[in-house]
Amino acid sequence: MCGAGAPRRFALAVAPTTFHTPAAEAAGEPDLAAAIKADLIEMARELGVKGRSKMKRAELEKAVTEASGAASAGRRRKAS
């Protein structure tokens, strides 16, 4: 049982969200401008971006864009 002064912590169950605008959907890419910072951090983690936890939102958006471009370019080269 929690004491009177103990902080209460609640875990929120949130379903994964995709961020698509018509332009981004046509290009087959998520709209990073619509993503929240936590989602950008998760995307950056999946892409192997270093220093992501210390980045500002705009820096994360740029890093994810660059990393995903590099990742897709690597996939294109292997497919050729």
Protein backbone atom coordinates (compact mmCIF):
# COMPACT_ATOMS: atom_id res chain seq x y z
CA MET A 1 0.00 0.00 0.00
CA CYS A 2 1.27 3.48 -0.82
CA GLY A 3 2.01 5.86 2.02
CA ALA A 4 0.38 9.27 2.17
CA GLY A 5 3.48 10.99 0.74
CA ALA A 6 4.34 8.39 -1.86
CA PRO A 7 3.83 9.49 -5.47
CA ARG A 8 1.37 7.51 -7.52
CA ARG A 9 2.45 6.33 -10.93
CA PHE A 10 0.05 5.41 -13.66
CA ALA A 11 0.93 3.61 -16.83
CA LEU A 12 -1.04 4.69 -19.87
CA ALA A 13 -1.72 2.13 -22.51
CA VAL A 14 -1.52 3.90 -25.84
CA ALA A 15 -1.98 2.21 -29.16
CA PRO A 16 0.69 2.89 -31.77
CA THR A 17 -0.30 5.77 -33.98
CA THR A 18 0.58 6.45 -37.56
CA PHE A 19 0.83 9.98 -38.80
CA HIS A 20 -0.37 10.46 -42.32
CA THR A 21 -1.39 13.50 -44.29
CA PRO A 22 -2.55 13.20 -47.90
CA ALA A 23 0.86 14.35 -49.23
CA ALA A 24 2.81 12.03 -46.91
CA GLU A 25 0.43 9.18 -47.66
CA ALA A 26 0.98 9.64 -51.41
CA ALA A 27 4.73 9.44 -50.80
CA GLY A 28 4.24 6.42 -48.50
CA GLU A 29 5.88 8.18 -45.53
CA PRO A 30 4.56 9.24 -42.10
CA ASP A 31 3.94 12.94 -41.47
CA LEU A 32 6.54 13.66 -38.78
CA ALA A 33 5.12 17.13 -38.14
CA ALA A 34 2.01 15.44 -36.72
CA ALA A 35 3.99 13.07 -34.48
CA ILE A 36 4.51 13.75 -30.79
CA LYS A 37 8.04 13.87 -29.41
CA ALA A 38 7.75 10.45 -27.74
CA ASP A 39 6.86 8.90 -31.10
CA LEU A 40 9.79 10.65 -32.77
CA ILE A 41 12.11 9.29 -30.08
CA GLU A 42 10.76 5.78 -30.69
CA MET A 43 11.24 6.13 -34.46
CA ALA A 44 14.78 7.44 -33.87
CA ARG A 45 15.53 4.47 -31.61
CA GLU A 46 14.33 2.03 -34.27
CA LEU A 47 16.52 3.79 -36.85
CA GLY A 48 19.57 3.76 -34.56
CA VAL A 49 19.86 7.55 -34.18
CA LYS A 50 22.50 8.39 -31.57
CA GLY A 51 21.88 11.14 -28.98
CA ARG A 52 18.11 11.06 -29.51
CA SER A 53 17.21 11.48 -25.84
CA LYS A 54 18.92 14.88 -25.70
CA MET A 55 17.49 16.19 -28.98
CA LYS A 56 14.79 18.82 -29.29
CA ARG A 57 11.66 17.94 -31.25
CA ALA A 58 12.83 19.70 -34.44
CA GLU A 59 16.21 17.95 -34.22
CA LEU A 60 14.48 14.59 -33.83
CA GLU A 61 12.27 15.25 -36.83
CA LYS A 62 15.33 16.09 -38.96
CA ALA A 63 17.34 13.12 -37.66
CA VAL A 64 14.48 10.67 -38.29
CA THR A 65 13.98 12.07 -41.79
CA GLU A 66 17.68 11.75 -42.60
CA ALA A 67 18.01 8.30 -41.01
CA SER A 68 14.93 6.94 -42.75
CA GLY A 69 16.21 8.31 -46.08
CA ALA A 70 19.55 6.61 -45.52
CA ALA A 71 17.81 3.38 -44.51
CA SER A 72 15.59 3.36 -47.60
CA ALA A 73 18.56 4.22 -49.84
CA GLY A 74 20.38 1.21 -48.38
CA ARG A 75 17.42 -1.03 -49.14
CA ARG A 76 17.28 0.27 -52.72
CA ARG A 77 20.98 -0.43 -53.27
CA LYS A 78 20.67 -4.01 -51.98
CA ALA A 79 17.63 -4.68 -54.17
CA SER A 80 19.47 -3.66 -57.35
